[in-house]
All heavy atoms as atom14 arrays in JSON, in Angstrom:
{
  "sequence": "IHNVKGHGLGLAYVKEIVESHQGTVFVESEKGKGSTFTVKLP",
  "atom14_mask": [
    [1, 1, 1, 1, 1, 1, 1, 1, 0, 0, 0, 0, 0, 0],
    [1, 1, 1, 1, 1, 1, 1, 1, 1, 1, 0, 0, 0, 0],
    [1, 1, 1, 1, 1, 1, 1, 1, 0, 0, 0, 0, 0, 0],
    [1, 1, 1, 1, 1, 1, 1, 0, 0, 0, 0, 0, 0, 0],
    [1, 1, 1, 1, 1, 1, 1, 1, 1, 0, 0, 0, 0, 0],
    [1, 1, 1, 1, 0, 0, 0, 0, 0, 0, 0, 0, 0, 0],
    [1, 1, 1, 1, 1, 1, 1, 1, 1, 1, 0, 0, 0, 0],
    [1, 1, 1, 1, 0, 0, 0, 0, 0, 0, 0, 0, 0, 0],
    [1, 1, 1, 1, 1, 1, 1, 1, 0, 0, 0, 0, 0, 0],
    [1, 1, 1, 1, 0, 0, 0, 0, 0, 0, 0, 0, 0, 0],
    [1, 1, 1, 1, 1, 1, 1, 1, 0, 0, 0, 0, 0, 0],
    [1, 1, 1, 1, 1, 0, 0, 0, 0, 0, 0, 0, 0, 0],
    [1, 1, 1, 1, 1, 1, 1, 1, 1, 1, 1, 1, 0, 0],
    [1, 1, 1, 1, 1, 1, 1, 0, 0, 0, 0, 0, 0, 0],
    [1, 1, 1, 1, 1, 1, 1, 1, 1, 0, 0, 0, 0, 0],
    [1, 1, 1, 1, 1, 1, 1, 1, 1, 0, 0, 0, 0, 0],
    [1, 1, 1, 1, 1, 1, 1, 1, 0, 0, 0, 0, 0, 0],
    [1, 1, 1, 1, 1, 1, 1, 0, 0, 0, 0, 0, 0, 0],
    [1, 1, 1, 1, 1, 1, 1, 1, 1, 0, 0, 0, 0, 0],
    [1, 1, 1, 1, 1, 1, 0, 0, 0, 0, 0, 0, 0, 0],
    [1, 1, 1, 1, 1, 1, 1, 1, 1, 1, 0, 0, 0, 0],
    [1, 1, 1, 1, 1, 1, 1, 1, 1, 0, 0, 0, 0, 0],
    [1, 1, 1, 1, 0, 0, 0, 0, 0, 0, 0, 0, 0, 0],
    [1, 1, 1, 1, 1, 1, 1, 0, 0, 0, 0, 0, 0, 0],
    [1, 1, 1, 1, 1, 1, 1, 0, 0, 0, 0, 0, 0, 0],
    [1, 1, 1, 1, 1, 1, 1, 1, 1, 1, 1, 0, 0, 0],
    [1, 1, 1, 1, 1, 1, 1, 0, 0, 0, 0, 0, 0, 0],
    [1, 1, 1, 1, 1, 1, 1, 1, 1, 0, 0, 0, 0, 0],
    [1, 1, 1, 1, 1, 1, 0, 0, 0, 0, 0, 0, 0, 0],
    [1, 1, 1, 1, 1, 1, 1, 1, 1, 0, 0, 0, 0, 0],
    [1, 1, 1, 1, 1, 1, 1, 1, 1, 0, 0, 0, 0, 0],
    [1, 1, 1, 1, 0, 0, 0, 0, 0, 0, 0, 0, 0, 0],
    [1, 1, 1, 1, 1, 1, 1, 1, 1, 0, 0, 0, 0, 0],
    [1, 1, 1, 1, 0, 0, 0, 0, 0, 0, 0, 0, 0, 0],
    [1, 1, 1, 1, 1, 1, 0, 0, 0, 0, 0, 0, 0, 0],
    [1, 1, 1, 1, 1, 1, 1, 0, 0, 0, 0, 0, 0, 0],
    [1, 1, 1, 1, 1, 1, 1, 1, 1, 1, 1, 0, 0, 0],
    [1, 1, 1, 1, 1, 1, 1, 0, 0, 0, 0, 0, 0, 0],
    [1, 1, 1, 1, 1, 1, 1, 0, 0, 0, 0, 0, 0, 0],
    [1, 1, 1, 1, 1, 1, 1, 1, 1, 0, 0, 0, 0, 0],
    [1, 1, 1, 1, 1, 1, 1, 1, 0, 0, 0, 0, 0, 0],
    [1, 1, 1, 1, 1, 1, 1, 0, 0, 0, 0, 0, 0, 0]
  ],
  "atom14_positions": [
    [[-181.03, 149.77, 79.33], [-180.62, 149.72, 80.66], [-179.32, 150.34, 80.95], [-179.1, 150.99, 82.03], [-180.62, 148.27, 81.2], [-182.13, 147.74, 81.08], [-180.2, 148.12, 82.59], [-182.17, 146.26, 81.5], [0.0, 0.0, 0.0], [0.0, 0.0, 0.0], [0.0, 0.0, 0.0], [0.0, 0.0, 0.0], [0.0, 0.0, 0.0], [0.0, 0.0, 0.0]],
    [[-178.43, 150.29, 79.95], [-177.07, 150.86, 80.24], [-177.12, 152.4, 80.37], [-176.2, 153.04, 80.87], [-176.15, 150.58, 79.06], [-176.49, 151.21, 77.77], [-177.42, 150.65, 76.94], [-176.0, 152.33, 77.11], [-177.62, 151.47, 75.9], [-176.74, 152.45, 76.03], [0.0, 0.0, 0.0], [0.0, 0.0, 0.0], [0.0, 0.0, 0.0], [0.0, 0.0, 0.0]],
    [[-178.25, 153.09, 79.99], [-178.32, 154.48, 80.16], [-178.82, 154.88, 81.56], [-178.81, 156.04, 81.91], [-179.39, 155.04, 79.15], [-178.89, 154.8, 77.73], [-177.74, 154.94, 77.45], [-179.83, 154.46, 76.81], [0.0, 0.0, 0.0], [0.0, 0.0, 0.0], [0.0, 0.0, 0.0], [0.0, 0.0, 0.0], [0.0, 0.0, 0.0], [0.0, 0.0, 0.0]],
    [[-179.24, 153.89, 82.32], [-179.73, 154.15, 83.73], [-178.54, 154.05, 84.7], [-177.85, 153.06, 84.72], [-180.79, 153.16, 84.11], [-181.39, 153.5, 85.49], [-181.97, 153.24, 83.05], [0.0, 0.0, 0.0], [0.0, 0.0, 0.0], [0.0, 0.0, 0.0], [0.0, 0.0, 0.0], [0.0, 0.0, 0.0], [0.0, 0.0, 0.0], [0.0, 0.0, 0.0]],
    [[-178.41, 155.1, 85.46], [-177.26, 155.09, 86.47], [-177.62, 154.19, 87.68], [-178.8, 154.11, 87.99], [-177.02, 156.49, 86.98], [-176.38, 157.36, 85.88], [-176.07, 158.8, 86.41], [-175.5, 159.66, 85.27], [-175.15, 160.97, 85.75], [0.0, 0.0, 0.0], [0.0, 0.0, 0.0], [0.0, 0.0, 0.0], [0.0, 0.0, 0.0], [0.0, 0.0, 0.0]],
    [[-176.63, 153.55, 88.29], [-176.88, 152.77, 89.43], [-175.74, 151.85, 89.69], [-174.82, 151.74, 88.82], [0.0, 0.0, 0.0], [0.0, 0.0, 0.0], [0.0, 0.0, 0.0], [0.0, 0.0, 0.0], [0.0, 0.0, 0.0], [0.0, 0.0, 0.0], [0.0, 0.0, 0.0], [0.0, 0.0, 0.0], [0.0, 0.0, 0.0], [0.0, 0.0, 0.0]],
    [[-175.74, 151.11, 90.83], [-174.62, 150.27, 91.14], [-175.1, 148.8, 91.46], [-174.31, 147.94, 91.77], [-173.97, 150.75, 92.41], [-173.68, 152.23, 92.37], [-172.79, 152.76, 91.41], [-174.08, 153.25, 93.12], [-172.66, 154.08, 91.61], [-173.47, 154.37, 92.65], [0.0, 0.0, 0.0], [0.0, 0.0, 0.0], [0.0, 0.0, 0.0], [0.0, 0.0, 0.0]],
    [[-176.34, 148.46, 91.21], [-176.91, 147.16, 91.49], [-176.93, 146.8, 92.99], [-176.75, 145.68, 93.37], [0.0, 0.0, 0.0], [0.0, 0.0, 0.0], [0.0, 0.0, 0.0], [0.0, 0.0, 0.0], [0.0, 0.0, 0.0], [0.0, 0.0, 0.0], [0.0, 0.0, 0.0], [0.0, 0.0, 0.0], [0.0, 0.0, 0.0], [0.0, 0.0, 0.0]],
    [[-177.06, 147.79, 93.82], [-177.09, 147.55, 95.28], [-178.47, 147.74, 95.83], [-178.76, 147.15, 96.97], [-176.14, 148.58, 96.0], [-174.6, 148.42, 95.62], [-173.82, 149.49, 96.26], [-174.11, 147.02, 96.11], [0.0, 0.0, 0.0], [0.0, 0.0, 0.0], [0.0, 0.0, 0.0], [0.0, 0.0, 0.0], [0.0, 0.0, 0.0], [0.0, 0.0, 0.0]],
    [[-179.34, 148.5, 95.24], [-180.64, 148.8, 95.83], [-181.46, 147.57, 96.03], [-181.96, 147.34, 97.2], [0.0, 0.0, 0.0], [0.0, 0.0, 0.0], [0.0, 0.0, 0.0], [0.0, 0.0, 0.0], [0.0, 0.0, 0.0], [0.0, 0.0, 0.0], [0.0, 0.0, 0.0], [0.0, 0.0, 0.0], [0.0, 0.0, 0.0], [0.0, 0.0, 0.0]],
    [[-181.67, 146.66, 95.05], [-182.48, 145.49, 95.24], [-181.82, 144.4, 96.1], [-182.46, 143.65, 96.78], [-182.82, 144.9, 93.86], [-183.77, 145.75, 93.01], [-183.97, 145.06, 91.62], [-185.05, 145.99, 93.73], [0.0, 0.0, 0.0], [0.0, 0.0, 0.0], [0.0, 0.0, 0.0], [0.0, 0.0, 0.0], [0.0, 0.0, 0.0], [0.0, 0.0, 0.0]],
    [[-180.44, 144.42, 96.1], [-179.68, 143.53, 96.99], [-179.99, 143.89, 98.38], [-180.23, 143.02, 99.29], [-178.21, 143.59, 96.72], [0.0, 0.0, 0.0], [0.0, 0.0, 0.0], [0.0, 0.0, 0.0], [0.0, 0.0, 0.0], [0.0, 0.0, 0.0], [0.0, 0.0, 0.0], [0.0, 0.0, 0.0], [0.0, 0.0, 0.0], [0.0, 0.0, 0.0]],
    [[-180.02, 145.28, 98.66], [-180.39, 145.76, 100.03], [-181.87, 145.35, 100.4], [-182.08, 144.97, 101.52], [-180.21, 147.25, 100.06], [-180.8, 147.99, 101.31], [-180.07, 147.88, 102.5], [-182.09, 148.66, 101.25], [-180.67, 148.53, 103.62], [-182.6, 149.24, 102.31], [-181.86, 149.2, 103.54], [-182.41, 149.78, 104.63], [0.0, 0.0, 0.0], [0.0, 0.0, 0.0]],
    [[-182.76, 145.45, 99.4], [-184.16, 145.08, 99.65], [-184.24, 143.61, 100.08], [-184.89, 143.33, 101.03], [-184.96, 145.34, 98.35], [-186.36, 144.62, 98.49], [-185.11, 146.83, 98.05], [0.0, 0.0, 0.0], [0.0, 0.0, 0.0], [0.0, 0.0, 0.0], [0.0, 0.0, 0.0], [0.0, 0.0, 0.0], [0.0, 0.0, 0.0], [0.0, 0.0, 0.0]],
    [[-183.56, 142.76, 99.34], [-183.62, 141.36, 99.69], [-183.03, 141.05, 101.12], [-183.58, 140.3, 101.89], [-182.8, 140.53, 98.67], [-182.86, 138.98, 98.92], [-182.04, 138.27, 97.91], [-182.11, 136.74, 98.15], [-181.28, 136.04, 97.15], [0.0, 0.0, 0.0], [0.0, 0.0, 0.0], [0.0, 0.0, 0.0], [0.0, 0.0, 0.0], [0.0, 0.0, 0.0]],
    [[-181.89, 141.66, 101.42], [-181.26, 141.46, 102.75], [-182.26, 141.89, 103.84], [-182.36, 141.18, 104.85], [-179.98, 142.29, 102.91], [-178.87, 141.7, 102.04], [-178.27, 140.44, 102.47], [-178.49, 140.12, 103.67], [-177.6, 139.75, 101.8], [0.0, 0.0, 0.0], [0.0, 0.0, 0.0], [0.0, 0.0, 0.0], [0.0, 0.0, 0.0], [0.0, 0.0, 0.0]],
    [[-182.9, 143.04, 103.72], [-183.77, 143.54, 104.78], [-184.98, 142.7, 104.85], [-185.44, 142.3, 106.02], [-184.11, 145.03, 104.44], [-182.94, 145.93, 104.6], [-185.22, 145.47, 105.44], [-182.33, 145.93, 105.98], [0.0, 0.0, 0.0], [0.0, 0.0, 0.0], [0.0, 0.0, 0.0], [0.0, 0.0, 0.0], [0.0, 0.0, 0.0], [0.0, 0.0, 0.0]],
    [[-185.64, 142.34, 103.74], [-186.83, 141.52, 103.79], [-186.55, 140.17, 104.42], [-187.37, 139.67, 105.27], [-187.4, 141.35, 102.33], [-188.58, 140.34, 102.37], [-187.9, 142.71, 101.86], [0.0, 0.0, 0.0], [0.0, 0.0, 0.0], [0.0, 0.0, 0.0], [0.0, 0.0, 0.0], [0.0, 0.0, 0.0], [0.0, 0.0, 0.0], [0.0, 0.0, 0.0]],
    [[-185.45, 139.55, 104.06], [-185.16, 138.24, 104.63], [-184.81, 138.34, 106.14], [-185.02, 137.38, 106.88], [-183.99, 137.57, 103.87], [-184.39, 137.09, 102.43], [-183.29, 136.43, 101.7], [-182.16, 136.5, 102.15], [-183.55, 135.88, 100.59], [0.0, 0.0, 0.0], [0.0, 0.0, 0.0], [0.0, 0.0, 0.0], [0.0, 0.0, 0.0], [0.0, 0.0, 0.0]],
    [[-184.16, 139.41, 106.53], [-183.96, 139.63, 107.95], [-185.16, 139.82, 108.75], [-185.24, 139.67, 109.92], [-183.03, 140.82, 108.13], [-183.7, 142.08, 107.84], [0.0, 0.0, 0.0], [0.0, 0.0, 0.0], [0.0, 0.0, 0.0], [0.0, 0.0, 0.0], [0.0, 0.0, 0.0], [0.0, 0.0, 0.0], [0.0, 0.0, 0.0], [0.0, 0.0, 0.0]],
    [[-186.32, 140.17, 108.04], [-187.67, 140.26, 108.7], [-188.43, 138.94, 108.45], [-189.69, 138.91, 108.6], [-188.46, 141.42, 108.07], [-187.98, 142.76, 108.61], [-186.85, 143.26, 108.26], [-188.5, 143.57, 109.56], [-186.71, 144.49, 108.82], [-187.76, 144.69, 109.65], [0.0, 0.0, 0.0], [0.0, 0.0, 0.0], [0.0, 0.0, 0.0], [0.0, 0.0, 0.0]],
    [[-187.78, 137.79, 108.11], [-188.34, 136.53, 107.84], [-189.42, 136.56, 106.68], [-190.48, 135.81, 106.69], [-189.04, 135.89, 109.05], [-188.04, 135.48, 110.1], [-187.47, 136.69, 110.95], [-188.21, 137.54, 111.39], [-186.17, 136.69, 111.08], [0.0, 0.0, 0.0], [0.0, 0.0, 0.0], [0.0, 0.0, 0.0], [0.0, 0.0, 0.0], [0.0, 0.0, 0.0]],
    [[-189.21, 137.45, 105.72], [-190.09, 137.57, 104.6], [-189.43, 137.13, 103.31], [-188.31, 136.67, 103.32], [0.0, 0.0, 0.0], [0.0, 0.0, 0.0], [0.0, 0.0, 0.0], [0.0, 0.0, 0.0], [0.0, 0.0, 0.0], [0.0, 0.0, 0.0], [0.0, 0.0, 0.0], [0.0, 0.0, 0.0], [0.0, 0.0, 0.0], [0.0, 0.0, 0.0]],
    [[-190.2, 137.28, 102.18], [-189.66, 136.91, 100.91], [-189.97, 138.07, 99.93], [-190.96, 138.72, 100.09], [-190.28, 135.6, 100.43], [-191.67, 135.74, 100.38], [-189.82, 134.43, 101.26], [0.0, 0.0, 0.0], [0.0, 0.0, 0.0], [0.0, 0.0, 0.0], [0.0, 0.0, 0.0], [0.0, 0.0, 0.0], [0.0, 0.0, 0.0], [0.0, 0.0, 0.0]],
    [[-189.09, 138.18, 98.87], [-189.32, 139.15, 97.82], [-189.01, 138.52, 96.49], [-188.06, 137.71, 96.34], [-188.45, 140.43, 98.03], [-187.0, 140.04, 98.05], [-188.78, 141.39, 96.96], [0.0, 0.0, 0.0], [0.0, 0.0, 0.0], [0.0, 0.0, 0.0], [0.0, 0.0, 0.0], [0.0, 0.0, 0.0], [0.0, 0.0, 0.0], [0.0, 0.0, 0.0]],
    [[-189.8, 138.71, 95.46], [-189.58, 138.17, 94.15], [-190.19, 139.05, 93.13], [-190.9, 140.04, 93.42], [-190.15, 136.71, 94.04], [-191.64, 136.67, 94.34], [-192.57, 136.81, 93.33], [-192.1, 136.38, 95.6], [-193.92, 136.74, 93.62], [-193.48, 136.3, 95.93], [-194.33, 136.53, 94.89], [0.0, 0.0, 0.0], [0.0, 0.0, 0.0], [0.0, 0.0, 0.0]],
    [[-189.81, 138.82, 91.92], [-190.25, 139.71, 90.77], [-190.92, 138.87, 89.64], [-190.46, 137.75, 89.39], [-189.07, 140.52, 90.21], [-188.01, 139.6, 89.62], [-189.5, 141.53, 89.2], [0.0, 0.0, 0.0], [0.0, 0.0, 0.0], [0.0, 0.0, 0.0], [0.0, 0.0, 0.0], [0.0, 0.0, 0.0], [0.0, 0.0, 0.0], [0.0, 0.0, 0.0]],
    [[-191.82, 139.46, 89.0], [-192.47, 138.93, 87.83], [-192.35, 139.97, 86.72], [-192.78, 141.17, 87.0], [-193.96, 138.55, 88.05], [-194.07, 137.46, 89.14], [-195.57, 137.24, 89.45], [-196.2, 138.1, 90.13], [-196.11, 136.16, 89.01], [0.0, 0.0, 0.0], [0.0, 0.0, 0.0], [0.0, 0.0, 0.0], [0.0, 0.0, 0.0], [0.0, 0.0, 0.0]],
    [[-191.82, 139.6, 85.61], [-191.59, 140.63, 84.64], [-191.63, 140.1, 83.19], [-191.43, 138.86, 83.02], [-190.21, 141.32, 84.8], [-189.98, 142.32, 83.9], [0.0, 0.0, 0.0], [0.0, 0.0, 0.0], [0.0, 0.0, 0.0], [0.0, 0.0, 0.0], [0.0, 0.0, 0.0], [0.0, 0.0, 0.0], [0.0, 0.0, 0.0], [0.0, 0.0, 0.0]],
    [[-191.92, 140.9, 82.29], [-191.95, 140.53, 80.83], [-191.32, 141.68, 80.03], [-191.67, 142.83, 80.26], [-193.33, 140.22, 80.39], [-193.43, 139.66, 79.01], [-194.73, 139.2, 78.56], [-195.7, 139.17, 79.48], [-194.99, 138.98, 77.36], [0.0, 0.0, 0.0], [0.0, 0.0, 0.0], [0.0, 0.0, 0.0], [0.0, 0.0, 0.0], [0.0, 0.0, 0.0]],
    [[-190.41, 141.35, 79.17], [-189.74, 142.36, 78.37], [-190.68, 143.26, 77.7], [-191.54, 142.76, 76.92], [-188.84, 141.69, 77.37], [-187.67, 142.5, 76.97], [-186.51, 142.63, 77.98], [-185.35, 143.36, 77.47], [-184.36, 143.54, 78.48], [0.0, 0.0, 0.0], [0.0, 0.0, 0.0], [0.0, 0.0, 0.0], [0.0, 0.0, 0.0], [0.0, 0.0, 0.0]],
    [[-190.61, 144.56, 77.88], [-191.4, 145.56, 77.22], [-192.75, 145.74, 77.83], [-193.52, 146.68, 77.4], [0.0, 0.0, 0.0], [0.0, 0.0, 0.0], [0.0, 0.0, 0.0], [0.0, 0.0, 0.0], [0.0, 0.0, 0.0], [0.0, 0.0, 0.0], [0.0, 0.0, 0.0], [0.0, 0.0, 0.0], [0.0, 0.0, 0.0], [0.0, 0.0, 0.0]],
    [[-193.09, 145.02, 78.95], [-194.44, 145.15, 79.52], [-194.41, 145.49, 81.01], [-195.42, 145.51, 81.64], [-195.22, 143.82, 79.32], [-195.54, 143.58, 77.86], [-196.43, 142.36, 77.76], [-196.75, 142.1, 76.26], [-197.63, 140.94, 76.1], [0.0, 0.0, 0.0], [0.0, 0.0, 0.0], [0.0, 0.0, 0.0], [0.0, 0.0, 0.0], [0.0, 0.0, 0.0]],
    [[-193.19, 145.83, 81.49], [-193.11, 146.19, 82.9], [-192.82, 145.05, 83.8], [-192.66, 143.85, 83.47], [0.0, 0.0, 0.0], [0.0, 0.0, 0.0], [0.0, 0.0, 0.0], [0.0, 0.0, 0.0], [0.0, 0.0, 0.0], [0.0, 0.0, 0.0], [0.0, 0.0, 0.0], [0.0, 0.0, 0.0], [0.0, 0.0, 0.0], [0.0, 0.0, 0.0]],
    [[-192.73, 145.43, 85.17], [-192.36, 144.45, 86.21], [-193.25, 144.63, 87.41], [-193.79, 145.7, 87.64], [-190.88, 144.6, 86.64], [-190.02, 144.53, 85.56], [0.0, 0.0, 0.0], [0.0, 0.0, 0.0], [0.0, 0.0, 0.0], [0.0, 0.0, 0.0], [0.0, 0.0, 0.0], [0.0, 0.0, 0.0], [0.0, 0.0, 0.0], [0.0, 0.0, 0.0]],
    [[-193.44, 143.5, 88.2], [-194.16, 143.56, 89.4], [-193.34, 142.98, 90.48], [-192.95, 141.76, 90.44], [-195.48, 142.76, 89.29], [-196.31, 143.35, 88.21], [-196.29, 142.89, 90.64], [0.0, 0.0, 0.0], [0.0, 0.0, 0.0], [0.0, 0.0, 0.0], [0.0, 0.0, 0.0], [0.0, 0.0, 0.0], [0.0, 0.0, 0.0], [0.0, 0.0, 0.0]],
    [[-192.93, 143.78, 91.51], [-192.18, 143.26, 92.67], [-193.18, 142.98, 93.76], [-194.05, 143.76, 94.14], [-191.21, 144.29, 93.13], [-189.98, 144.4, 92.22], [-190.08, 145.23, 91.07], [-188.84, 143.68, 92.53], [-188.96, 145.32, 90.29], [-187.76, 143.8, 91.68], [-187.81, 144.6, 90.6], [0.0, 0.0, 0.0], [0.0, 0.0, 0.0], [0.0, 0.0, 0.0]],
    [[-193.01, 141.79, 94.4], [-193.88, 141.35, 95.5], [-193.09, 141.07, 96.74], [-192.11, 140.39, 96.75], [-194.66, 140.05, 95.13], [-195.37, 140.29, 93.91], [-195.61, 139.62, 96.22], [0.0, 0.0, 0.0], [0.0, 0.0, 0.0], [0.0, 0.0, 0.0], [0.0, 0.0, 0.0], [0.0, 0.0, 0.0], [0.0, 0.0, 0.0], [0.0, 0.0, 0.0]],
    [[-193.55, 141.68, 97.86], [-192.91, 141.55, 99.18], [-193.95, 140.87, 100.16], [-195.02, 141.36, 100.22], [-192.46, 142.87, 99.75], [-191.87, 142.66, 101.11], [-191.43, 143.52, 98.88], [0.0, 0.0, 0.0], [0.0, 0.0, 0.0], [0.0, 0.0, 0.0], [0.0, 0.0, 0.0], [0.0, 0.0, 0.0], [0.0, 0.0, 0.0], [0.0, 0.0, 0.0]],
    [[-193.52, 139.76, 100.76], [-194.35, 139.09, 101.73], [-193.69, 139.16, 103.07], [-192.55, 138.74, 103.3], [-194.58, 137.64, 101.33], [-195.45, 137.45, 100.09], [-195.59, 135.99, 99.67], [-196.36, 135.2, 100.78], [-196.58, 133.78, 100.29], [0.0, 0.0, 0.0], [0.0, 0.0, 0.0], [0.0, 0.0, 0.0], [0.0, 0.0, 0.0], [0.0, 0.0, 0.0]],
    [[-194.46, 139.65, 104.09], [-193.92, 139.78, 105.43], [-194.91, 139.11, 106.4], [-196.11, 139.25, 106.25], [-193.75, 141.23, 105.81], [-192.75, 142.01, 105.07], [-192.8, 143.54, 105.39], [-191.31, 141.51, 105.39], [0.0, 0.0, 0.0], [0.0, 0.0, 0.0], [0.0, 0.0, 0.0], [0.0, 0.0, 0.0], [0.0, 0.0, 0.0], [0.0, 0.0, 0.0]],
    [[-194.39, 138.39, 107.4], [-195.31, 137.76, 108.35], [-196.03, 138.75, 109.27], [-195.45, 139.71, 109.76], [-194.41, 136.84, 109.14], [-193.05, 137.46, 109.05], [-192.96, 138.04, 107.69], [0.0, 0.0, 0.0], [0.0, 0.0, 0.0], [0.0, 0.0, 0.0], [0.0, 0.0, 0.0], [0.0, 0.0, 0.0], [0.0, 0.0, 0.0], [0.0, 0.0, 0.0]]
  ]
}
C-alpha cells in the first residue's frame, strides 16, 4: 500500500457525501482477495 500515492481523503469524501444524502457506505474485504464497497441511498 505504501507504493500507492494518495492522501486518505477520497473515501472520507465519499462517506461525507453519502451521509449527507441520508445513505450509508461500508466495505467488505479480505486480505489478498479484493474489496467490495456498498452504497445504500434512499
